């Protein structure tokens, strides 16, 4: 083998080695590129999923807040309707004293309050407009009590021990206040039952 052949053989061998190295480098570069693209897709999908979760959470939060605001608005409106119903009821009570039943109702309120107080000697606090009626009712029930005309009410009275330590209010307003919560549920149920 001559020197020329040896050089040619080395060149062929080097060319073959170079070609193999380039091919191997191309394959490795292609593998790295595919891996990088896959990693990029995974990262992109992860970011998209994270962004979607964030958007969904924000949307749900906004929906919840809007629903809560609407619910509060509805509750306030319903409460306003109920309050108006009570105001209307109180206005209708302005004429309670003029009803034909008032004497009998006053008598029952007096007896209930005295019975609740459980005292023999009591003071009656009344609206000055009920003085004559109160004296008549006291006579009918056979009681003699001090009458104090310092109450302003649509009807009824307050009964207290003579020392004033215990007071039982049995006015139309106090009775309405006592049943207000019950009536609220009833009115709410009647007006807004679904």
C-alpha atoms as a PDB file:
ATOM      1  CA  UNK A   1       0.000   0.000   0.000  1.00  0.00           C
ATOM      2  CA  UNK A   2       1.340   3.097  -0.991  1.00  0.00           C
ATOM      3  CA  UNK A   3       1.323   6.303   0.727  1.00  0.00           C
ATOM      4  CA  UNK A   4      -1.374   7.597  -1.595  1.00  0.00           C
ATOM      5  CA  UNK A   5      -3.584   4.688  -0.861  1.00  0.00           C
ATOM      6  CA  UNK A   6      -3.053   5.158   2.813  1.00  0.00           C
ATOM      7  CA  UNK A   7      -4.009   8.831   2.600  1.00  0.00           C
ATOM      8  CA  UNK A   8      -7.027   8.008   0.459  1.00  0.00           C
ATOM      9  CA  UNK A   9      -8.059   5.321   2.888  1.00  0.00           C
ATOM     10  CA  UNK A  10      -7.677   7.760   5.762  1.00  0.00           C
ATOM     11  CA  UNK A  11      -9.674  10.376   3.912  1.00  0.00           C
ATOM     12  CA  UNK A  12     -12.452   7.855   3.211  1.00  0.00           C
ATOM     13  CA  UNK A  13     -12.364   6.760   6.826  1.00  0.00           C
ATOM     14  CA  UNK A  14     -12.370  10.372   8.039  1.00  0.00           C
ATOM     15  CA  UNK A  15     -15.188  11.225   5.613  1.00  0.00           C
ATOM     16  CA  UNK A  16     -17.143   8.232   6.857  1.00  0.00           C
ATOM     17  CA  UNK A  17     -16.469   9.242  10.495  1.00  0.00           C
ATOM     18  CA  UNK A  18     -17.411  12.852   9.748  1.00  0.00           C
ATOM     19  CA  UNK A  19     -20.624  11.758   8.024  1.00  0.00           C
ATOM     20  CA  UNK A  20     -21.484   9.447  10.913  1.00  0.00           C
ATOM     21  CA  UNK A  21     -20.722  12.221  13.431  1.00  0.00           C
ATOM     22  CA  UNK A  22     -22.859  14.720  11.487  1.00  0.00           C
ATOM     23  CA  UNK A  23     -25.692  12.188  11.228  1.00  0.00           C
ATOM     24  CA  UNK A  24     -25.376  11.370  14.923  1.00  0.00           C
ATOM     25  CA  UNK A  25     -25.326  15.104  15.752  1.00  0.00           C
ATOM     26  CA  UNK A  26     -28.390  15.667  13.522  1.00  0.00           C
ATOM     27  CA  UNK A  27     -30.228  12.797  15.248  1.00  0.00           C
ATOM     28  CA  UNK A  28     -29.291  14.135  18.681  1.00  0.00           C
ATOM     29  CA  UNK A  29     -30.274  17.675  17.672  1.00  0.00           C
ATOM     30  CA  UNK A  30     -33.607  16.356  16.348  1.00  0.00           C
ATOM     31  CA  UNK A  31     -34.142  14.416  19.606  1.00  0.00           C
ATOM     32  CA  UNK A  32     -33.280  17.517  21.662  1.00  0.00           C
ATOM     33  CA  UNK A  33     -35.637  19.595  19.492  1.00  0.00           C
ATOM     34  CA  UNK A  34     -38.478  17.048  19.932  1.00  0.00           C
ATOM     35  CA  UNK A  35     -37.831  16.910  23.670  1.00  0.00           C
ATOM     36  CA  UNK A  36     -37.752  20.713  23.915  1.00  0.00           C
ATOM     37  CA  UNK A  37     -41.008  20.960  21.920  1.00  0.00           C
ATOM     38  CA  UNK A  38     -42.643  18.347  24.151  1.00  0.00           C
ATOM     39  CA  UNK A  39     -41.409  20.164  27.254  1.00  0.00           C
ATOM     40  CA  UNK A  40     -42.634  23.466  25.820  1.00  0.00           C
ATOM     41  CA  UNK A  41     -46.072  21.908  25.108  1.00  0.00           C
ATOM     42  CA  UNK A  42     -46.210  20.534  28.645  1.00  0.00           C
ATOM     43  CA  UNK A  43     -45.258  23.911  30.118  1.00  0.00           C
ATOM     44  CA  UNK A  44     -47.704  25.681  27.797  1.00  0.00           C
ATOM     45  CA  UNK A  45     -50.493  23.246  28.760  1.00  0.00           C
ATOM     46  CA  UNK A  46     -49.652  23.705  32.429  1.00  0.00           C
ATOM     47  CA  UNK A  47     -49.761  27.501  32.099  1.00  0.00           C
ATOM     48  CA  UNK A  48     -53.013  27.319  30.140  1.00  0.00           C
ATOM     49  CA  UNK A  49     -54.530  25.010  32.744  1.00  0.00           C
ATOM     50  CA  UNK A  50     -53.357  27.304  35.537  1.00  0.00           C
ATOM     51  CA  UNK A  51     -54.710  30.352  33.706  1.00  0.00           C
ATOM     52  CA  UNK A  52     -58.024  28.547  33.079  1.00  0.00           C
ATOM     53  CA  UNK A  53     -58.293  27.631  36.763  1.00  0.00           C
ATOM     54  CA  UNK A  54     -57.577  31.232  37.707  1.00  0.00           C
ATOM     55  CA  UNK A  55     -60.191  32.509  35.240  1.00  0.00           C
ATOM     56  CA  UNK A  56     -62.713  29.937  36.487  1.00  0.00           C
ATOM     57  CA  UNK A  57     -62.062  30.884  40.112  1.00  0.00           C
ATOM     58  CA  UNK A  58     -62.446  34.587  39.338  1.00  0.00           C
ATOM     59  CA  UNK A  59     -65.629  33.916  37.349  1.00  0.00           C
ATOM     60  CA  UNK A  60     -67.066  31.814  40.197  1.00  0.00           C
ATOM     61  CA  UNK A  61     -66.146  34.538  42.688  1.00  0.00           C
ATOM     62  CA  UNK A  62     -67.869  37.189  40.567  1.00  0.00           C
ATOM     63  CA  UNK A  63     -70.962  34.989  40.123  1.00  0.00           C
ATOM     64  CA  UNK A  64     -71.076  34.328  43.869  1.00  0.00           C
ATOM     65  CA  UNK A  65     -70.770  38.053  44.645  1.00  0.00           C
ATOM     66  CA  UNK A  66     -73.496  38.962  42.151  1.00  0.00           C
ATOM     67  CA  UNK A  67     -75.788  36.268  43.575  1.00  0.00           C
ATOM     68  CA  UNK A  68     -75.081  37.451  47.130  1.00  0.00           C
ATOM     69  CA  UNK A  69     -75.768  41.077  46.158  1.00  0.00           C
ATOM     70  CA  UNK A  70     -79.003  40.074  44.437  1.00  0.00           C
ATOM     71  CA  UNK A  71     -80.055  37.995  47.427  1.00  0.00           C
ATOM     72  CA  UNK A  72     -79.401  40.944  49.768  1.00  0.00           C
ATOM     73  CA  UNK A  73     -81.306  43.267  47.440  1.00  0.00           C
ATOM     74  CA  UNK A  74     -84.262  40.845  47.388  1.00  0.00           C
ATOM     75  CA  UNK A  75     -84.175  40.463  51.182  1.00  0.00           C
ATOM     76  CA  UNK A  76     -84.113  44.252  51.602  1.00  0.00           C
ATOM     77  CA  UNK A  77     -87.034  44.640  49.191  1.00  0.00           C
ATOM     78  CA  UNK A  78     -89.031  41.939  50.956  1.00  0.00           C
ATOM     79  CA  UNK A  79     -88.238  43.514  54.323  1.00  0.00           C
ATOM     80  CA  UNK A  80     -89.378  46.904  52.986  1.00  0.00           C
ATOM     81  CA  UNK A  81     -92.681  45.331  51.906  1.00  0.00           C
ATOM     82  CA  UNK A  82     -93.096  43.732  55.330  1.00  0.00           C
ATOM     83  CA  UNK A  83     -92.218  46.979  57.119  1.00  0.00           C
ATOM     84  CA  UNK A  84     -94.780  48.781  54.969  1.00  0.00           C
ATOM     85  CA  UNK A  85     -97.358  46.149  55.931  1.00  0.00           C
ATOM     86  CA  UNK A  86     -96.644  46.877  59.610  1.00  0.00           C
ATOM     87  CA  UNK A  87     -96.837  50.627  59.035  1.00  0.00           C
ATOM     88  CA  UNK A  88    -100.186  50.134  57.307  1.00  0.00           C
ATOM     89  CA  UNK A  89    -101.354  47.953  60.211  1.00  0.00           C
ATOM     90  CA  UNK A  90    -100.274  50.607  62.721  1.00  0.00           C
ATOM     91  CA  UNK A  91    -102.130  53.286  60.749  1.00  0.00           C
ATOM     92  CA  UNK A  92    -105.271  51.172  60.778  1.00  0.00           C
ATOM     93  CA  UNK A  93    -104.920  50.938  64.564  1.00  0.00           C
ATOM     94  CA  UNK A  94    -105.234  54.719  64.846  1.00  0.00           C
ATOM     95  CA  UNK A  95    -109.002  54.214  64.716  1.00  0.00           C
ATOM     96  CA  UNK A  96    -109.009  51.219  67.073  1.00  0.00           C
ATOM     97  CA  UNK A  97    -110.310  53.322  69.940  1.00  0.00           C
ATOM     98  CA  UNK A  98    -113.373  54.281  67.846  1.00  0.00           C
ATOM     99  CA  UNK A  99    -114.440  50.681  67.211  1.00  0.00           C
ATOM    100  CA  UNK A 100    -117.525  49.273  68.922  1.00  0.00           C
ATOM    101  CA  UNK A 101    -115.394  46.490  70.432  1.00  0.00           C
ATOM    102  CA  UNK A 102    -112.935  48.832  72.105  1.00  0.00           C
ATOM    103  CA  UNK A 103    -114.648  48.830  75.515  1.00  0.00           C
ATOM    104  CA  UNK A 104    -114.589  45.027  75.661  1.00  0.00           C
ATOM    105  CA  UNK A 105    -110.995  44.903  74.370  1.00  0.00           C
ATOM    106  CA  UNK A 106    -109.896  47.518  76.928  1.00  0.00           C
ATOM    107  CA  UNK A 107    -111.532  45.503  79.694  1.00  0.00           C
ATOM    108  CA  UNK A 108    -109.721  42.321  78.572  1.00  0.00           C
ATOM    109  CA  UNK A 109    -106.388  44.155  78.377  1.00  0.00           C
ATOM    110  CA  UNK A 110    -106.908  45.547  81.886  1.00  0.00           C
ATOM    111  CA  UNK A 111    -107.787  42.139  83.329  1.00  0.00           C
ATOM    112  CA  UNK A 112    -104.878  40.406  81.533  1.00  0.00           C
ATOM    113  CA  UNK A 113    -102.368  42.966  82.809  1.00  0.00           C
ATOM    114  CA  UNK A 114    -103.646  42.819  86.395  1.00  0.00           C
ATOM    115  CA  UNK A 115    -103.646  39.007  86.292  1.00  0.00           C
ATOM    116  CA  UNK A 116    -100.068  38.971  84.933  1.00  0.00           C
ATOM    117  CA  UNK A 117     -98.902  41.399  87.598  1.00  0.00           C
ATOM    118  CA  UNK A 118    -100.573  39.351  90.350  1.00  0.00           C
ATOM    119  CA  UNK A 119    -100.920  42.319  92.727  1.00  0.00           C
ATOM    120  CA  UNK A 120    -104.028  43.627  94.446  1.00  0.00           C
ATOM    121  CA  UNK A 121    -102.960  47.276  94.542  1.00  0.00           C
ATOM    122  CA  UNK A 122    -101.923  48.566  91.130  1.00  0.00           C
ATOM    123  CA  UNK A 123    -101.598  51.834  89.267  1.00  0.00           C
ATOM    124  CA  UNK A 124    -103.052  52.215  85.777  1.00  0.00           C
ATOM    125  CA  UNK A 125    -101.247  54.312  83.190  1.00  0.00           C
ATOM    126  CA  UNK A 126    -103.668  55.289  80.452  1.00  0.00           C
ATOM    127  CA  UNK A 127    -104.108  57.638  77.537  1.00  0.00           C
ATOM    128  CA  UNK A 128    -106.167  60.647  78.713  1.00  0.00           C
ATOM    129  CA  UNK A 129    -108.753  59.811  76.018  1.00  0.00           C
ATOM    130  CA  UNK A 130    -109.531  56.555  77.877  1.00  0.00           C
ATOM    131  CA  UNK A 131    -110.171  58.066  81.323  1.00  0.00           C
ATOM    132  CA  UNK A 132    -113.986  57.769  81.255  1.00  0.00           C
ATOM    133  CA  UNK A 133    -113.833  54.273  79.763  1.00  0.00           C
ATOM    134  CA  UNK A 134    -111.222  53.183  82.325  1.00  0.00           C
ATOM    135  CA  UNK A 135    -113.361  54.380  85.248  1.00  0.00           C
ATOM    136  CA  UNK A 136    -116.384  52.486  83.823  1.00  0.00           C
ATOM    137  CA  UNK A 137    -114.386  49.284  83.390  1.00  0.00           C
ATOM    138  CA  UNK A 138    -112.882  49.548  86.883  1.00  0.00           C
ATOM    139  CA  UNK A 139    -116.374  49.877  88.287  1.00  0.00           C
ATOM    140  CA  UNK A 140    -117.571  46.856  86.282  1.00  0.00           C
ATOM    141  CA  UNK A 141    -114.725  44.650  87.529  1.00  0.00           C
ATOM    142  CA  UNK A 142    -115.005  45.984  91.072  1.00  0.00           C
ATOM    143  CA  UNK A 143    -111.535  47.468  91.379  1.00  0.00           C
ATOM    144  CA  UNK A 144    -110.330  50.754  92.748  1.00  0.00           C
ATOM    145  CA  UNK A 145    -106.937  51.682  91.331  1.00  0.00           C
ATOM    146  CA  UNK A 146    -104.931  54.836  90.871  1.00  0.00           C
ATOM    147  CA  UNK A 147    -105.267  56.203  87.333  1.00  0.00           C
ATOM    148  CA  UNK A 148    -102.341  58.088  85.838  1.00  0.00           C
ATOM    149  CA  UNK A 149    -103.102  59.814  82.536  1.00  0.00           C
ATOM    150  CA  UNK A 150     -99.607  60.027  81.047  1.00  0.00           C
ATOM    151  CA  UNK A 151     -99.660  57.435  78.268  1.00  0.00           C
ATOM    152  CA  UNK A 152     -99.979  58.121  74.560  1.00  0.00           C
ATOM    153  CA  UNK A 153    -101.251  55.049  72.772  1.00  0.00           C
ATOM    154  CA  UNK A 154    -103.648  53.876  70.074  1.00  0.00           C
ATOM    155  CA  UNK A 155    -105.372  51.863  72.776  1.00  0.00           C
ATOM    156  CA  UNK A 156    -104.802  49.832  75.899  1.00  0.00           C
ATOM    157  CA  UNK A 157    -102.925  50.621  79.083  1.00  0.00           C
ATOM    158  CA  UNK A 158     -99.946  49.855  81.294  1.00  0.00           C
ATOM    159  CA  UNK A 159    -100.375  48.444  84.780  1.00  0.00           C
ATOM    160  CA  UNK A 160     -97.703  48.779  87.451  1.00  0.00           C
ATOM    161  CA  UNK A 161     -97.174  47.996  91.077  1.00  0.00           C
ATOM    162  CA  UNK A 162     -97.780  51.042  93.252  1.00  0.00           C
ATOM    163  CA  UNK A 163     -94.028  51.450  93.747  1.00  0.00           C
ATOM    164  CA  UNK A 164     -93.569  51.326  89.938  1.00  0.00           C
ATOM    165  CA  UNK A 165     -90.918  48.596  90.058  1.00  0.00           C
ATOM    166  CA  UNK A 166     -92.884  46.200  87.852  1.00  0.00           C
ATOM    167  CA  UNK A 167     -94.809  47.362  84.800  1.00  0.00           C
ATOM    168  CA  UNK A 168     -96.939  45.315  82.438  1.00  0.00           C
ATOM    169  CA  UNK A 169     -97.583  47.133  79.187  1.00  0.00           C
ATOM    170  CA  UNK A 170    -100.729  45.946  77.454  1.00  0.00           C
ATOM    171  CA  UNK A 171    -101.139  48.571  74.750  1.00  0.00           C
ATOM    172  CA  UNK A 172    -101.954  47.948  71.118  1.00  0.00           C
ATOM    173  CA  UNK A 173     -98.389  48.924  70.237  1.00  0.00           C
ATOM    174  CA  UNK A 174     -96.822  46.525  72.760  1.00  0.00           C
ATOM    175  CA  UNK A 175     -99.090  43.711  71.617  1.00  0.00           C
ATOM    176  CA  UNK A 176     -98.158  44.384  68.008  1.00  0.00           C
ATOM    177  CA  UNK A 177     -94.478  44.380  68.987  1.00  0.00           C
ATOM    178  CA  UNK A 178     -94.881  41.045  70.778  1.00  0.00           C
ATOM    179  CA  UNK A 179     -96.301  39.334  67.726  1.00  0.00           C
ATOM    180  CA  UNK A 180     -94.244  41.207  65.134  1.00  0.00           C
ATOM    181  CA  UNK A 181     -91.703  38.407  64.538  1.00  0.00           C
ATOM    182  CA  UNK A 182     -94.455  35.815  64.224  1.00  0.00           C
ATOM    183  CA  UNK A 183     -96.393  38.093  61.914  1.00  0.00           C
ATOM    184  CA  UNK A 184     -93.238  38.767  59.868  1.00  0.00           C
ATOM    185  CA  UNK A 185     -92.930  35.046  59.138  1.00  0.00           C
ATOM    186  CA  UNK A 186     -96.632  34.816  58.307  1.00  0.00           C
ATOM    187  CA  UNK A 187     -96.578  37.875  56.044  1.00  0.00           C
ATOM    188  CA  UNK A 188     -93.348  36.724  54.382  1.00  0.00           C
ATOM    189  CA  UNK A 189     -94.860  33.294  53.766  1.00  0.00           C
ATOM    190  CA  UNK A 190     -98.081  34.782  52.379  1.00  0.00           C
ATOM    191  CA  UNK A 191     -96.434  37.374  50.157  1.00  0.00           C
ATOM    192  CA  UNK A 192     -93.414  35.456  48.937  1.00  0.00           C
ATOM    193  CA  UNK A 193     -94.258  31.751  49.000  1.00  0.00           C
ATOM    194  CA  UNK A 194     -92.840  30.126  45.920  1.00  0.00           C
END
